[in-house]
Amino acid sequence: MTEIINTPISSAVELVRRYGGPVSHAALNSSLSIFRTPGIDGLIGFQVVQRCAVVQGDPICAPEHKTSLADAFATYCAKNGWTFLYSSVTADMQTYAKERRYTTMEFADLLIANPQDNPESDHRSHHLRQHLNNARRTGVVVHEYLGETNPDVRLEARMEVACKQWLAARHGLQMYLGYPRLFDDRSGRRWFIAELDGSVVGILSMLNVSCFECHNLINIVFSSPAAPFYTNELLVVTALHALREEGLDSVCLGVGPLSVLGQIDGCDGVTELLSRSLYRLATKMLNLHGRSEYWDKFHITRREPLYLLFQSPRIGLRELIALFRALHFSVT
C-alpha cells in the first residue's frame, strides 16, 4: 500500500543510496510496501504481519526529516489499525522513541572498518594470513565485476547458479533480511567474484550508503559448497584492498548482534527480564554473536549502537511473530 503524493520525488533506489543505512536496501524488495508523505523526499519500507507494520532501519530521508516522516508513518499505521516496530535503527531513532515513550532495546552494533588499516599487515593477523594463503594456494582468484557499466549476461548467470548452490546448502535455523537480489538496483552497486577453474564459487556485493560518514556497505558475502575454505575472507580482503587503493577510510561491514541485550528503555521490569532471556536464547540457538566475532578479524575501528524499537511498552506474541517473520526466521 502506497500513500499518494503530488510533488516530485526521488526514486526509491536514489533515496536508499543517498540516505540509506546498513539494512535500508531491504526497502527495495518488491514484497515490501512503501510509505511516502507529501512534503518529504523520503520513504519507509514496511511489511505488515498480523496487523503489525515492521520496518527495517531508520526512515530513509534527510536527517532533518526523520522525525516528521516517522510521525507521519505512525499516524498512517493508526488509521489502519496497525501497531508498528522498527529493527536496526540508529541512536537518532532511539532519541525519537524516548520522546514518544516507545520501547527501545540495544541489540547490535553497526560495524565499521578502515580500509587503510590492512588486516593482513600486522601481528594480529597471523591466522588470517594463514587462511588467505590456504585459499590462494587452491587457485581461487578474486576480481571485481563491473556489472553496473559493463554487464556480462553469461557471467551473471554463473553467479546466480553459485548463489542457488549456497542457498541450497544452508541448513538449520536461519534468519535473514531477504532473498539475495544480486543484480537488481544496479546503481551504486559493486561486485567481487571468486572463481576456481572457470566456475564462480563466491560473491561479495557492496552498496553505496550514507551512514556515519561511511559511503560503502558490504551487504552480501557468500561462497558455494564447491569453494575452498576461507574464500569469503579472500573476497573481503580484496574488496578492502580496492577501497584502500581508492583512498577511502571507512566501510560498513553490516550489523553485528550483541551477545546479550544492552540498554533497554520504555518498558516494565517483567518485559525487560523476558526480553533479555528470549534474546539470550535466540543468540545461542542462532549463534548471532558469531557474526560480530567473524568481522573482528578485519580490524573493526568503530561500533555504533543499533536498536529494536517497539511502539507498545508491552511486547506481546504478535510483535515477536511479526519480527521473526520479517527477518525470515525458519528451520531448513
Protein backbone atom coordinates (compact mmCIF):
# COMPACT_ATOMS: atom_id res chain seq x y z
CA MET A 1 0.00 0.00 0.00
CA THR A 2 1.47 3.36 -1.04
CA GLU A 3 0.35 6.81 0.07
CA ILE A 4 -0.40 9.20 -2.82
CA ILE A 5 1.88 12.18 -3.24
CA ASN A 6 1.51 15.14 -5.59
CA THR A 7 5.04 16.57 -5.56
CA PRO A 8 8.06 15.27 -7.50
CA ILE A 9 10.05 12.72 -5.52
CA SER A 10 13.32 10.84 -5.93
CA SER A 11 13.20 7.18 -6.91
CA ALA A 12 13.39 4.58 -4.16
CA VAL A 13 16.84 3.44 -5.30
CA GLU A 14 18.11 7.02 -5.33
CA LEU A 15 16.86 7.61 -1.79
CA VAL A 16 18.34 4.38 -0.45
CA ARG A 17 21.73 5.16 -1.97
CA ARG A 18 21.68 8.76 -0.72
CA TYR A 19 20.36 8.25 2.82
CA GLY A 20 20.34 4.50 3.45
CA GLY A 21 21.89 2.72 6.41
CA PRO A 22 23.02 -0.87 6.94
CA VAL A 23 19.64 -2.52 6.26
CA SER A 24 17.85 0.15 4.20
CA HIS A 25 18.33 -1.83 0.98
CA ALA A 26 15.60 -4.17 2.27
CA ALA A 27 13.10 -1.43 1.34
CA LEU A 28 13.83 -2.14 -2.34
CA ASN A 29 12.47 -5.67 -2.04
CA SER A 30 9.32 -5.88 -4.17
CA SER A 31 7.50 -7.80 -1.42
CA LEU A 32 7.52 -4.73 0.84
CA SER A 33 5.08 -1.84 0.83
CA ILE A 34 6.32 1.74 0.55
CA PHE A 35 5.09 4.71 2.60
CA ARG A 36 5.64 8.28 1.43
CA THR A 37 4.12 11.53 2.57
CA PRO A 38 3.75 14.93 0.88
CA GLY A 39 6.49 17.47 1.51
CA ILE A 40 9.24 14.98 2.43
CA ASP A 41 11.55 13.43 -0.14
CA GLY A 42 11.85 10.09 1.58
CA LEU A 43 10.24 6.73 2.21
CA ILE A 44 9.67 3.96 4.70
CA GLY A 45 9.59 0.36 3.51
CA PHE A 46 7.46 -1.93 5.65
CA GLN A 47 5.82 -5.32 5.89
CA VAL A 48 2.54 -5.92 7.73
CA VAL A 49 2.41 -9.13 9.74
CA GLN A 50 -0.61 -9.81 11.97
CA ARG A 51 -1.56 -6.13 11.89
CA CYS A 52 1.92 -5.05 12.93
CA ALA A 53 3.97 -2.97 10.46
CA VAL A 54 7.67 -3.97 10.58
CA VAL A 55 10.30 -1.50 9.30
CA GLN A 56 13.96 -2.33 8.69
CA GLY A 57 16.21 0.60 9.61
CA ASP A 58 15.65 4.33 10.01
CA PRO A 59 13.24 6.30 7.83
CA ILE A 60 15.04 6.86 4.51
CA CYS A 61 15.28 10.61 4.10
CA ALA A 62 17.45 13.59 5.02
CA PRO A 63 18.30 13.51 8.76
CA GLU A 64 16.30 16.66 9.47
CA HIS A 65 13.13 14.97 8.18
CA LYS A 66 13.40 11.63 10.01
CA THR A 67 11.15 12.66 12.89
CA SER A 68 8.44 14.10 10.64
CA LEU A 69 8.45 11.07 8.35
CA ALA A 70 8.32 8.67 11.30
CA ASP A 71 5.42 10.62 12.85
CA ALA A 72 3.53 10.57 9.55
CA PHE A 73 4.05 6.81 9.34
CA ALA A 74 2.82 6.35 12.93
CA THR A 75 -0.35 8.27 12.04
CA TYR A 76 -0.77 6.16 8.90
CA CYS A 77 -0.46 2.95 10.94
CA ALA A 78 -3.01 4.19 13.49
CA LYS A 79 -5.51 4.94 10.72
CA ASN A 80 -5.15 1.35 9.51
CA GLY A 81 -5.40 -0.15 12.98
CA TRP A 82 -1.80 -1.38 12.99
CA THR A 83 0.91 -1.24 15.62
CA PHE A 84 4.49 -0.87 14.39
CA LEU A 85 8.06 -1.76 15.21
CA TYR A 86 11.46 -0.95 13.74
CA SER A 87 14.52 -3.18 13.58
CA SER A 88 18.16 -1.98 13.39
CA VAL A 89 17.58 1.74 13.96
CA THR A 90 20.28 4.19 14.99
CA ALA A 91 20.63 6.39 18.07
CA ASP A 92 18.64 9.11 16.25
CA MET A 93 15.57 6.91 16.38
CA GLN A 94 16.26 5.86 19.95
CA THR A 95 16.09 9.52 20.96
CA TYR A 96 12.88 9.87 18.93
CA ALA A 97 11.42 6.83 20.69
CA LYS A 98 12.24 8.13 24.17
CA GLU A 99 10.41 11.38 23.45
CA ARG A 100 7.30 9.39 22.48
CA ARG A 101 7.59 6.78 25.24
CA TYR A 102 8.18 3.89 22.87
CA THR A 103 10.30 0.92 23.91
CA THR A 104 13.86 0.52 22.62
CA MET A 105 16.35 -2.31 23.06
CA GLU A 106 20.02 -2.14 22.12
CA PHE A 107 20.67 -5.43 20.35
CA ALA A 108 23.55 -4.92 17.90
CA ASP A 109 26.38 -2.72 16.64
CA LEU A 110 26.92 -1.27 13.22
CA LEU A 111 30.44 -2.49 12.45
CA ILE A 112 32.80 -0.07 10.70
CA ALA A 113 36.34 -0.72 9.49
CA ASN A 114 39.05 1.47 7.97
CA PRO A 115 40.31 0.01 4.67
CA GLN A 116 43.59 1.88 5.19
CA ASP A 117 44.24 -0.47 8.13
CA ASN A 118 45.32 -3.51 6.14
CA PRO A 119 44.10 -6.59 8.07
CA GLU A 120 46.94 -8.70 6.60
CA SER A 121 49.77 -6.45 7.69
CA ASP A 122 50.39 -6.79 11.45
CA HIS A 123 51.00 -9.36 14.16
CA ARG A 124 47.28 -9.63 14.98
CA SER A 125 46.63 -11.12 11.55
CA HIS A 126 48.68 -14.30 11.72
CA HIS A 127 45.69 -16.64 11.46
CA LEU A 128 44.01 -14.52 8.79
CA ARG A 129 47.18 -14.61 6.66
CA GLN A 130 47.31 -18.39 7.04
CA HIS A 131 43.69 -18.68 5.91
CA LEU A 132 44.21 -16.40 2.92
CA ASN A 133 47.34 -18.25 1.85
CA ASN A 134 45.47 -21.55 2.05
CA ALA A 135 42.70 -20.19 -0.17
CA ARG A 136 45.15 -18.72 -2.69
CA ARG A 137 47.10 -21.97 -2.95
CA THR A 138 43.97 -23.74 -4.16
CA GLY A 139 43.90 -21.46 -7.20
CA VAL A 140 40.97 -19.26 -6.20
CA VAL A 141 41.16 -15.87 -7.92
CA VAL A 142 39.06 -12.85 -6.87
CA HIS A 143 38.35 -9.92 -9.18
CA GLU A 144 35.89 -7.07 -9.39
CA TYR A 145 32.99 -7.39 -11.80
CA LEU A 146 31.95 -4.08 -13.38
CA GLY A 147 28.32 -5.06 -13.77
CA GLU A 148 26.91 -1.56 -13.44
CA THR A 149 28.65 -0.19 -16.54
CA ASN A 150 29.60 -3.34 -18.46
CA PRO A 151 27.16 -6.19 -17.69
CA ASP A 152 28.01 -9.74 -18.77
CA VAL A 153 24.87 -11.90 -19.06
CA ARG A 154 26.74 -15.22 -19.07
CA LEU A 155 28.85 -14.36 -16.04
CA GLU A 156 25.79 -13.19 -14.14
CA ALA A 157 24.06 -16.48 -14.90
CA ARG A 158 27.02 -18.33 -13.38
CA MET A 159 26.87 -16.05 -10.35
CA GLU A 160 23.18 -16.83 -9.90
CA VAL A 161 23.97 -20.55 -10.04
CA ALA A 162 26.56 -20.12 -7.27
CA CYS A 163 24.00 -18.24 -5.20
CA LYS A 164 21.42 -21.01 -5.59
CA GLN A 165 24.01 -23.61 -4.63
CA TRP A 166 24.88 -21.63 -1.50
CA LEU A 167 21.22 -21.28 -0.51
CA ALA A 168 20.53 -24.97 -1.12
CA ALA A 169 23.43 -25.93 1.14
CA ARG A 170 22.22 -23.90 4.12
CA HIS A 171 20.75 -25.97 6.94
CA GLY A 172 19.46 -25.46 10.45
CA LEU A 173 17.99 -22.33 11.99
CA GLN A 174 18.04 -19.36 9.62
CA MET A 175 17.41 -15.63 9.95
CA TYR A 176 17.99 -13.14 7.13
CA LEU A 177 16.62 -9.93 5.58
CA GLY A 178 15.51 -11.49 2.31
CA TYR A 179 16.49 -13.48 -0.75
CA PRO A 180 19.74 -12.12 -2.28
CA ARG A 181 18.97 -9.74 -5.13
CA LEU A 182 22.33 -9.73 -6.86
CA PHE A 183 21.56 -7.66 -9.93
CA ASP A 184 18.51 -5.59 -9.04
CA ASP A 185 19.07 -1.89 -8.40
CA ARG A 186 22.47 -1.80 -10.14
CA SER A 187 23.05 1.88 -9.47
CA GLY A 188 25.65 2.29 -6.72
CA ARG A 189 26.44 -1.42 -6.50
CA ARG A 190 29.80 -3.24 -6.87
CA TRP A 191 30.56 -6.96 -7.10
CA PHE A 192 33.67 -9.03 -6.36
CA ILE A 193 33.77 -12.59 -7.69
CA ALA A 194 35.80 -15.62 -6.61
CA GLU A 195 36.48 -18.09 -9.41
CA LEU A 196 38.09 -21.52 -9.41
CA ASP A 197 38.80 -23.47 -12.59
CA GLY A 198 36.35 -21.35 -14.56
CA SER A 199 33.49 -21.67 -12.05
CA VAL A 200 32.11 -18.94 -9.82
CA VAL A 201 32.50 -20.12 -6.22
CA GLY A 202 31.93 -16.92 -4.22
CA ILE A 203 30.46 -13.44 -4.42
CA LEU A 204 30.72 -10.21 -2.42
CA SER A 205 28.26 -7.39 -3.04
CA MET A 206 28.94 -3.81 -1.93
CA LEU A 207 26.46 -0.91 -1.95
CA ASN A 208 26.66 2.86 -1.75
CA VAL A 209 25.14 4.04 1.54
CA SER A 210 25.31 7.10 3.73
CA CYS A 211 25.60 6.31 7.42
CA PHE A 212 28.11 7.60 9.98
CA GLU A 213 30.30 9.07 7.21
CA CYS A 214 30.58 5.67 5.51
CA HIS A 215 29.75 5.50 1.83
CA ASN A 216 30.15 1.77 1.24
CA LEU A 217 28.45 -1.25 2.79
CA ILE A 218 29.40 -4.90 2.33
CA ASN A 219 25.89 -6.35 2.30
CA ILE A 220 26.41 -9.89 0.95
CA VAL A 221 29.33 -12.32 1.19
CA PHE A 222 28.92 -15.99 0.40
CA SER A 223 30.62 -18.95 -1.22
CA SER A 224 29.21 -22.09 -2.80
CA PRO A 225 29.76 -25.62 -1.42
CA ALA A 226 32.45 -26.05 -4.09
CA ALA A 227 34.52 -23.17 -2.75
CA PRO A 228 37.75 -23.86 -0.84
CA PHE A 229 37.87 -22.90 2.82
CA TYR A 230 38.35 -19.17 3.54
CA THR A 231 37.05 -17.99 0.16
CA ASN A 232 34.85 -15.46 1.99
CA GLU A 233 37.90 -13.98 3.73
CA LEU A 234 39.68 -13.64 0.39
CA LEU A 235 36.65 -11.82 -1.05
CA VAL A 236 36.58 -9.38 1.87
CA VAL A 237 40.29 -8.50 1.83
CA THR A 238 40.14 -7.99 -1.95
CA ALA A 239 37.24 -5.56 -1.57
CA LEU A 240 39.05 -3.74 1.26
CA HIS A 241 42.17 -3.53 -0.93
CA ALA A 242 40.13 -1.89 -3.71
CA LEU A 243 38.76 0.70 -1.26
CA ARG A 244 42.25 1.28 0.15
CA GLU A 245 43.61 1.95 -3.36
CA GLU A 246 40.81 4.50 -3.83
CA GLY A 247 41.87 6.35 -0.67
CA LEU A 248 38.71 5.55 1.31
CA ASP A 249 38.97 5.34 5.07
CA SER A 250 35.67 3.74 6.15
CA VAL A 251 33.41 0.87 5.16
CA CYS A 252 30.36 -0.62 6.86
CA LEU A 253 30.60 -4.35 7.47
CA GLY A 254 26.94 -4.63 8.45
CA VAL A 255 25.08 -5.49 11.63
CA GLY A 256 26.89 -7.31 14.44
CA PRO A 257 24.44 -8.68 17.04
CA LEU A 258 25.44 -8.40 20.69
CA SER A 259 25.83 -11.47 22.88
CA VAL A 260 23.25 -10.00 25.31
CA LEU A 261 20.83 -7.10 25.06
CA GLY A 262 22.31 -3.75 26.04
CA GLN A 263 20.37 -0.68 27.16
CA ILE A 264 16.58 -1.10 27.37
CA ASP A 265 14.19 1.83 27.81
CA GLY A 266 10.45 2.30 27.93
CA CYS A 267 9.14 -1.00 29.29
CA ASP A 268 8.45 -2.50 32.70
CA GLY A 269 10.76 -4.82 34.60
CA VAL A 270 8.93 -8.02 33.68
CA THR A 271 9.04 -7.22 29.94
CA GLU A 272 12.73 -6.36 30.22
CA LEU A 273 13.54 -9.61 32.02
CA LEU A 274 11.61 -11.73 29.50
CA SER A 275 13.18 -9.86 26.57
CA ARG A 276 16.69 -10.43 27.86
CA SER A 277 16.00 -14.13 28.41
CA LEU A 278 14.44 -14.61 24.97
CA TYR A 279 17.28 -12.76 23.24
CA ARG A 280 19.88 -14.81 25.09
CA LEU A 281 18.15 -17.98 23.92
CA ALA A 282 17.91 -16.74 20.31
CA THR A 283 21.58 -15.71 20.33
CA LYS A 284 22.61 -19.18 21.48
CA MET A 285 20.36 -21.04 19.02
CA LEU A 286 21.29 -18.90 16.00
CA ASN A 287 24.88 -18.07 17.02
CA LEU A 288 24.03 -14.41 16.34
CA HIS A 289 27.12 -13.05 18.06
CA GLY A 290 29.28 -15.24 15.83
CA ARG A 291 28.75 -12.71 13.04
CA SER A 292 30.36 -9.97 15.13
CA GLU A 293 33.25 -12.24 16.03
CA TYR A 294 33.78 -13.11 12.36
CA TRP A 295 34.21 -9.47 11.37
CA ASP A 296 36.67 -8.73 14.19
CA LYS A 297 39.50 -10.25 12.12
CA PHE A 298 39.15 -7.33 9.67
CA HIS A 299 40.00 -4.77 12.38
CA ILE A 300 36.77 -3.10 13.43
CA THR A 301 37.60 0.53 14.21
CA ARG A 302 34.18 1.82 15.21
CA ARG A 303 30.90 0.47 16.57
CA GLU A 304 27.62 2.36 16.58
CA PRO A 305 24.68 1.01 18.63
CA LEU A 306 21.59 -0.31 16.84
CA TYR A 307 18.19 -0.78 18.43
CA LEU A 308 14.86 -2.51 18.19
CA LEU A 309 12.01 -0.02 18.56
CA PHE A 310 8.53 -1.12 19.66
CA GLN A 311 5.54 1.21 19.69
CA SER A 312 4.00 -0.62 22.63
CA PRO A 313 5.67 -0.85 26.06
CA ARG A 314 4.06 -4.29 26.35
CA ILE A 315 5.70 -6.51 23.79
CA GLY A 316 3.44 -9.44 23.08
CA LEU A 317 3.36 -12.54 20.94
CA ARG A 318 2.05 -10.55 17.96
CA GLU A 319 5.11 -8.29 17.88
CA LEU A 320 7.50 -11.21 18.26
CA ILE A 321 5.84 -13.18 15.45
CA ALA A 322 5.90 -10.10 13.23
CA LEU A 323 9.60 -9.51 13.91
CA PHE A 324 10.60 -13.14 13.35
CA ARG A 325 8.60 -13.38 10.14
CA ALA A 326 10.03 -10.13 8.78
CA LEU A 327 13.51 -11.50 9.50
CA HIS A 328 12.60 -14.78 7.75
CA PHE A 329 13.20 -16.93 10.81
CA SER A 330 12.98 -20.54 9.65
CA VAL A 331 14.34 -24.04 10.08
CA THR A 332 15.73 -25.79 6.98
